[in-house]
Amino acid sequence: MTCPICKAETRADFRPFCSKRCADVDLGRWMNGSYAVPSRDPEDIERAIDEVEAMLNRAEPRPH
């Protein structure tokens, strides 16, 4: 079996990864949203739209 991050041979103590570094890279991808499980649930879609709109509103420069 190969590591899903770097394709090196896996080690039993980090399986399915080859190292703690690759396990941490994978965890980071989950935490920053690089990985996502698709959903067609209307509530999930509405929540996602609300979150994006809130993020955009925070990023807009405020007039002085």
PDB file of N, CA and C in Angstrom:
ATOM      1  N   MET A   1       0.844  -1.172   0.000  1.00  0.00           N
ATOM      2  CA  MET A   1       0.000   0.000   0.000  1.00  0.00           C
ATOM      3  C   MET A   1       0.888   1.234   0.000  1.00  0.00           C
ATOM      4  N   THR A   2       0.468   2.262  -0.757  1.00  0.00           N
ATOM      5  CA  THR A   2       1.249   3.490  -0.808  1.00  0.00           C
ATOM      6  C   THR A   2       0.516   4.633  -0.106  1.00  0.00           C
ATOM      7  N   CYS A   3       1.302   5.574   0.361  1.00  0.00           N
ATOM      8  CA  CYS A   3       0.778   6.751   1.059  1.00  0.00           C
ATOM      9  C   CYS A   3      -0.054   7.579   0.079  1.00  0.00           C
ATOM     10  N   PRO A   4      -1.267   7.983   0.470  1.00  0.00           N
ATOM     11  CA  PRO A   4      -2.097   8.776  -0.434  1.00  0.00           C
ATOM     12  C   PRO A   4      -1.558  10.200  -0.662  1.00  0.00           C
ATOM     13  N   ILE A   5      -0.633  10.648   0.164  1.00  0.00           N
ATOM     14  CA  ILE A   5      -0.088  11.996   0.020  1.00  0.00           C
ATOM     15  C   ILE A   5       1.145  12.007  -0.875  1.00  0.00           C
ATOM     16  N   CYS A   6       2.142  11.172  -0.565  1.00  0.00           N
ATOM     17  CA  CYS A   6       3.413  11.227  -1.306  1.00  0.00           C
ATOM     18  C   CYS A   6       3.720   9.968  -2.110  1.00  0.00           C
ATOM     19  N   LYS A   7       2.887   8.965  -1.996  1.00  0.00           N
ATOM     20  CA  LYS A   7       3.020   7.692  -2.734  1.00  0.00           C
ATOM     21  C   LYS A   7       4.171   6.805  -2.257  1.00  0.00           C
ATOM     22  N   ALA A   8       4.808   7.145  -1.130  1.00  0.00           N
ATOM     23  CA  ALA A   8       5.841   6.275  -0.556  1.00  0.00           C
ATOM     24  C   ALA A   8       5.161   5.072   0.094  1.00  0.00           C
ATOM     25  N   GLU A   9       5.936   4.056   0.419  1.00  0.00           N
ATOM     26  CA  GLU A   9       5.401   2.876   1.097  1.00  0.00           C
ATOM     27  C   GLU A   9       4.909   3.261   2.494  1.00  0.00           C
ATOM     28  N   THR A  10       3.765   2.746   2.894  1.00  0.00           N
ATOM     29  CA  THR A  10       3.218   3.102   4.203  1.00  0.00           C
ATOM     30  C   THR A  10       3.963   2.386   5.324  1.00  0.00           C
ATOM     31  N   ARG A  11       3.825   2.962   6.531  1.00  0.00           N
ATOM     32  CA  ARG A  11       4.372   2.340   7.729  1.00  0.00           C
ATOM     33  C   ARG A  11       3.211   2.005   8.646  1.00  0.00           C
ATOM     34  N   ALA A  12       3.307   0.886   9.314  1.00  0.00           N
ATOM     35  CA  ALA A  12       2.208   0.401  10.163  1.00  0.00           C
ATOM     36  C   ALA A  12       1.807   1.419  11.227  1.00  0.00           C
ATOM     37  N   ASP A  13       2.777   2.131  11.803  1.00  0.00           N
ATOM     38  CA  ASP A  13       2.445   3.070  12.879  1.00  0.00           C
ATOM     39  C   ASP A  13       1.795   4.360  12.380  1.00  0.00           C
ATOM     40  N   PHE A  14       1.772   4.597  11.058  1.00  0.00           N
ATOM     41  CA  PHE A  14       1.122   5.790  10.497  1.00  0.00           C
ATOM     42  C   PHE A  14       0.088   5.443   9.430  1.00  0.00           C
ATOM     43  N   ARG A  15      -0.219   4.177   9.301  1.00  0.00           N
ATOM     44  CA  ARG A  15      -1.104   3.717   8.241  1.00  0.00           C
ATOM     45  C   ARG A  15      -2.401   4.493   8.189  1.00  0.00           C
ATOM     46  N   PRO A  16      -2.862   4.944   7.087  1.00  0.00           N
ATOM     47  CA  PRO A  16      -2.451   4.624   5.716  1.00  0.00           C
ATOM     48  C   PRO A  16      -1.357   5.536   5.174  1.00  0.00           C
ATOM     49  N   PHE A  17      -0.679   6.274   6.039  1.00  0.00           N
ATOM     50  CA  PHE A  17       0.366   7.201   5.608  1.00  0.00           C
ATOM     51  C   PHE A  17       1.744   6.609   5.847  1.00  0.00           C
ATOM     52  N   CYS A  18       2.765   7.300   5.330  1.00  0.00           N
ATOM     53  CA  CYS A  18       4.137   6.823   5.506  1.00  0.00           C
ATOM     54  C   CYS A  18       4.817   7.495   6.689  1.00  0.00           C
ATOM     55  N   SER A  19       4.245   8.613   7.147  1.00  0.00           N
ATOM     56  CA  SER A  19       4.896   9.391   8.210  1.00  0.00           C
ATOM     57  C   SER A  19       3.880  10.292   8.902  1.00  0.00           C
ATOM     58  N   LYS A  20       4.294  10.849  10.026  1.00  0.00           N
ATOM     59  CA  LYS A  20       3.444  11.811  10.729  1.00  0.00           C
ATOM     60  C   LYS A  20       3.248  13.048   9.873  1.00  0.00           C
ATOM     61  N   ARG A  21       4.272  13.443   9.130  1.00  0.00           N
ATOM     62  CA  ARG A  21       4.170  14.613   8.271  1.00  0.00           C
ATOM     63  C   ARG A  21       3.033  14.446   7.267  1.00  0.00           C
ATOM     64  N   CYS A  22       2.979  13.318   6.578  1.00  0.00           N
ATOM     65  CA  CYS A  22       1.911  13.092   5.593  1.00  0.00           C
ATOM     66  C   CYS A  22       0.542  13.008   6.275  1.00  0.00           C
ATOM     67  N   ALA A  23       0.485  12.423   7.454  1.00  0.00           N
ATOM     68  CA  ALA A  23      -0.779  12.381   8.198  1.00  0.00           C
ATOM     69  C   ALA A  23      -1.220  13.803   8.546  1.00  0.00           C
ATOM     70  N   ASP A  24      -0.267  14.661   8.937  1.00  0.00           N
ATOM     71  CA  ASP A  24      -0.589  16.048   9.266  1.00  0.00           C
ATOM     72  C   ASP A  24      -1.016  16.837   8.027  1.00  0.00           C
ATOM     73  N   VAL A  25      -0.383  16.577   6.883  1.00  0.00           N
ATOM     74  CA  VAL A  25      -0.782  17.230   5.634  1.00  0.00           C
ATOM     75  C   VAL A  25      -2.230  16.877   5.323  1.00  0.00           C
ATOM     76  N   ASP A  26      -2.580  15.608   5.460  1.00  0.00           N
ATOM     77  CA  ASP A  26      -3.947  15.164   5.202  1.00  0.00           C
ATOM     78  C   ASP A  26      -4.929  15.842   6.163  1.00  0.00           C
ATOM     79  N   LEU A  27      -4.600  15.884   7.444  1.00  0.00           N
ATOM     80  CA  LEU A  27      -5.460  16.533   8.425  1.00  0.00           C
ATOM     81  C   LEU A  27      -5.643  18.013   8.089  1.00  0.00           C
ATOM     82  N   GLY A  28      -4.562  18.673   7.706  1.00  0.00           N
ATOM     83  CA  GLY A  28      -4.642  20.079   7.324  1.00  0.00           C
ATOM     84  C   GLY A  28      -5.565  20.305   6.148  1.00  0.00           C
ATOM     85  N   ARG A  29      -5.545  19.390   5.196  1.00  0.00           N
ATOM     86  CA  ARG A  29      -6.436  19.517   4.035  1.00  0.00           C
ATOM     87  C   ARG A  29      -7.900  19.397   4.446  1.00  0.00           C
ATOM     88  N   TRP A  30      -8.190  18.513   5.391  1.00  0.00           N
ATOM     89  CA  TRP A  30      -9.565  18.409   5.894  1.00  0.00           C
ATOM     90  C   TRP A  30      -9.957  19.678   6.628  1.00  0.00           C
ATOM     91  N   MET A  31      -9.038  20.190   7.445  1.00  0.00           N
ATOM     92  CA  MET A  31      -9.365  21.350   8.285  1.00  0.00           C
ATOM     93  C   MET A  31      -9.531  22.636   7.482  1.00  0.00           C
ATOM     94  N   ASN A  32      -8.794  22.788   6.370  1.00  0.00           N
ATOM     95  CA  ASN A  32      -8.926  24.028   5.602  1.00  0.00           C
ATOM     96  C   ASN A  32      -9.976  23.924   4.501  1.00  0.00           C
ATOM     97  N   GLY A  33     -10.638  22.780   4.411  1.00  0.00           N
ATOM     98  CA  GLY A  33     -11.726  22.636   3.445  1.00  0.00           C
ATOM     99  C   GLY A  33     -11.307  22.149   2.073  1.00  0.00           C
ATOM    100  N   SER A  34     -10.042  21.750   1.913  1.00  0.00           N
ATOM    101  CA  SER A  34      -9.610  21.220   0.624  1.00  0.00           C
ATOM    102  C   SER A  34     -10.367  19.945   0.271  1.00  0.00           C
ATOM    103  N   TYR A  35     -10.683  19.168   1.291  1.00  0.00           N
ATOM    104  CA  TYR A  35     -11.489  17.972   1.097  1.00  0.00           C
ATOM    105  C   TYR A  35     -12.905  18.313   1.546  1.00  0.00           C
ATOM    106  N   ALA A  36     -13.866  17.845   0.820  1.00  0.00           N
ATOM    107  CA  ALA A  36     -15.252  18.082   1.216  1.00  0.00           C
ATOM    108  C   ALA A  36     -16.114  16.939   0.700  1.00  0.00           C
ATOM    109  N   VAL A  37     -17.128  16.625   1.434  1.00  0.00           N
ATOM    110  CA  VAL A  37     -18.085  15.609   1.023  1.00  0.00           C
ATOM    111  C   VAL A  37     -19.246  16.352   0.368  1.00  0.00           C
ATOM    112  N   PRO A  38     -19.509  16.086  -0.921  1.00  0.00           N
ATOM    113  CA  PRO A  38     -20.587  16.804  -1.596  1.00  0.00           C
ATOM    114  C   PRO A  38     -21.944  16.502  -0.982  1.00  0.00           C
ATOM    115  N   SER A  39     -22.814  17.500  -1.040  1.00  0.00           N
ATOM    116  CA  SER A  39     -24.151  17.339  -0.487  1.00  0.00           C
ATOM    117  C   SER A  39     -25.153  18.038  -1.388  1.00  0.00           C
ATOM    118  N   ARG A  40     -26.333  17.462  -1.480  1.00  0.00           N
ATOM    119  CA  ARG A  40     -27.425  18.101  -2.218  1.00  0.00           C
ATOM    120  C   ARG A  40     -28.522  18.545  -1.248  1.00  0.00           C
ATOM    121  N   ASP A  41     -28.228  18.474   0.036  1.00  0.00           N
ATOM    122  CA  ASP A  41     -29.184  18.886   1.061  1.00  0.00           C
ATOM    123  C   ASP A  41     -29.374  20.398   0.983  1.00  0.00           C
ATOM    124  N   PRO A  42     -30.609  20.881   0.752  1.00  0.00           N
ATOM    125  CA  PRO A  42     -30.841  22.330   0.640  1.00  0.00           C
ATOM    126  C   PRO A  42     -30.357  23.123   1.855  1.00  0.00           C
ATOM    127  N   GLU A  43     -30.446  22.559   3.047  1.00  0.00           N
ATOM    128  CA  GLU A  43     -29.966  23.269   4.235  1.00  0.00           C
ATOM    129  C   GLU A  43     -28.456  23.465   4.182  1.00  0.00           C
ATOM    130  N   ASP A  44     -27.723  22.453   3.684  1.00  0.00           N
ATOM    131  CA  ASP A  44     -26.273  22.589   3.554  1.00  0.00           C
ATOM    132  C   ASP A  44     -25.933  23.680   2.546  1.00  0.00           C
ATOM    133  N   ILE A  45     -26.674  23.733   1.449  1.00  0.00           N
ATOM    134  CA  ILE A  45     -26.419  24.731   0.414  1.00  0.00           C
ATOM    135  C   ILE A  45     -26.688  26.131   0.959  1.00  0.00           C
ATOM    136  N   GLU A  46     -27.808  26.308   1.649  1.00  0.00           N
ATOM    137  CA  GLU A  46     -28.130  27.608   2.233  1.00  0.00           C
ATOM    138  C   GLU A  46     -27.073  28.041   3.244  1.00  0.00           C
ATOM    139  N   ARG A  47     -26.630  27.124   4.073  1.00  0.00           N
ATOM    140  CA  ARG A  47     -25.608  27.442   5.074  1.00  0.00           C
ATOM    141  C   ARG A  47     -24.311  27.853   4.381  1.00  0.00           C
ATOM    142  N   ALA A  48     -23.934  27.147   3.317  1.00  0.00           N
ATOM    143  CA  ALA A  48     -22.712  27.480   2.588  1.00  0.00           C
ATOM    144  C   ALA A  48     -22.810  28.871   1.967  1.00  0.00           C
ATOM    145  N   ILE A  49     -23.952  29.194   1.386  1.00  0.00           N
ATOM    146  CA  ILE A  49     -24.150  30.522   0.802  1.00  0.00           C
ATOM    147  C   ILE A  49     -24.041  31.594   1.886  1.00  0.00           C
ATOM    148  N   ASP A  50     -24.679  31.364   3.016  1.00  0.00           N
ATOM    149  CA  ASP A  50     -24.613  32.323   4.125  1.00  0.00           C
ATOM    150  C   ASP A  50     -23.175  32.533   4.596  1.00  0.00           C
ATOM    151  N   GLU A  51     -22.410  31.453   4.692  1.00  0.00           N
ATOM    152  CA  GLU A  51     -21.028  31.561   5.150  1.00  0.00           C
ATOM    153  C   GLU A  51     -20.171  32.338   4.155  1.00  0.00           C
ATOM    154  N   VAL A  52     -20.368  32.092   2.861  1.00  0.00           N
ATOM    155  CA  VAL A  52     -19.598  32.812   1.841  1.00  0.00           C
ATOM    156  C   VAL A  52     -19.970  34.298   1.862  1.00  0.00           C
ATOM    157  N   GLU A  53     -21.265  34.602   1.958  1.00  0.00           N
ATOM    158  CA  GLU A  53     -21.684  35.996   2.007  1.00  0.00           C
ATOM    159  C   GLU A  53     -21.106  36.709   3.236  1.00  0.00           C
ATOM    160  N   ALA A  54     -21.104  36.049   4.373  1.00  0.00           N
ATOM    161  CA  ALA A  54     -20.538  36.644   5.585  1.00  0.00           C
ATOM    162  C   ALA A  54     -19.040  36.887   5.409  1.00  0.00           C
ATOM    163  N   MET A  55     -18.347  35.942   4.804  1.00  0.00           N
ATOM    164  CA  MET A  55     -16.916  36.086   4.581  1.00  0.00           C
ATOM    165  C   MET A  55     -16.649  37.254   3.633  1.00  0.00           C
ATOM    166  N   LEU A  56     -17.431  37.374   2.565  1.00  0.00           N
ATOM    167  CA  LEU A  56     -17.248  38.468   1.620  1.00  0.00           C
ATOM    168  C   LEU A  56     -17.543  39.819   2.268  1.00  0.00           C
ATOM    169  N   ASN A  57     -18.556  39.866   3.116  1.00  0.00           N
ATOM    170  CA  ASN A  57     -18.887  41.119   3.801  1.00  0.00           C
ATOM    171  C   ASN A  57     -17.759  41.557   4.732  1.00  0.00           C
ATOM    172  N   ARG A  58     -17.110  40.594   5.374  1.00  0.00           N
ATOM    173  CA  ARG A  58     -15.983  40.927   6.262  1.00  0.00           C
ATOM    174  C   ARG A  58     -14.779  41.416   5.460  1.00  0.00           C
ATOM    175  N   ALA A  59     -14.627  40.909   4.230  1.00  0.00           N
ATOM    176  CA  ALA A  59     -13.462  41.235   3.406  1.00  0.00           C
ATOM    177  C   ALA A  59     -13.614  42.559   2.668  1.00  0.00           C
ATOM    178  N   GLU A  60     -14.833  43.074   2.516  1.00  0.00           N
ATOM    179  CA  GLU A  60     -15.038  44.327   1.788  1.00  0.00           C
ATOM    180  C   GLU A  60     -14.478  45.495   2.582  1.00  0.00           C
ATOM    181  N   PRO A  61     -13.764  46.382   1.882  1.00  0.00           N
ATOM    182  CA  PRO A  61     -13.243  47.564   2.579  1.00  0.00           C
ATOM    183  C   PRO A  61     -14.397  48.470   3.002  1.00  0.00           C
ATOM    184  N   ARG A  62     -14.265  49.065   4.134  1.00  0.00           N
ATOM    185  CA  ARG A  62     -15.300  49.944   4.675  1.00  0.00           C
ATOM    186  C   ARG A  62     -15.015  51.384   4.252  1.00  0.00           C
ATOM    187  N   PRO A  63     -16.017  52.117   3.769  1.00  0.00           N
ATOM    188  CA  PRO A  63     -15.793  53.531   3.412  1.00  0.00           C
ATOM    189  C   PRO A  63     -15.508  54.369   4.659  1.00  0.00           C
ATOM    190  N   HIS A  64     -14.676  55.379   4.497  1.00  0.00           N
ATOM    191  CA  HIS A  64     -14.313  56.243   5.637  1.00  0.00           C
ATOM    192  C   HIS A  64     -15.152  57.467   5.667  1.00  0.00           C
TER     193      HIS A  64
END
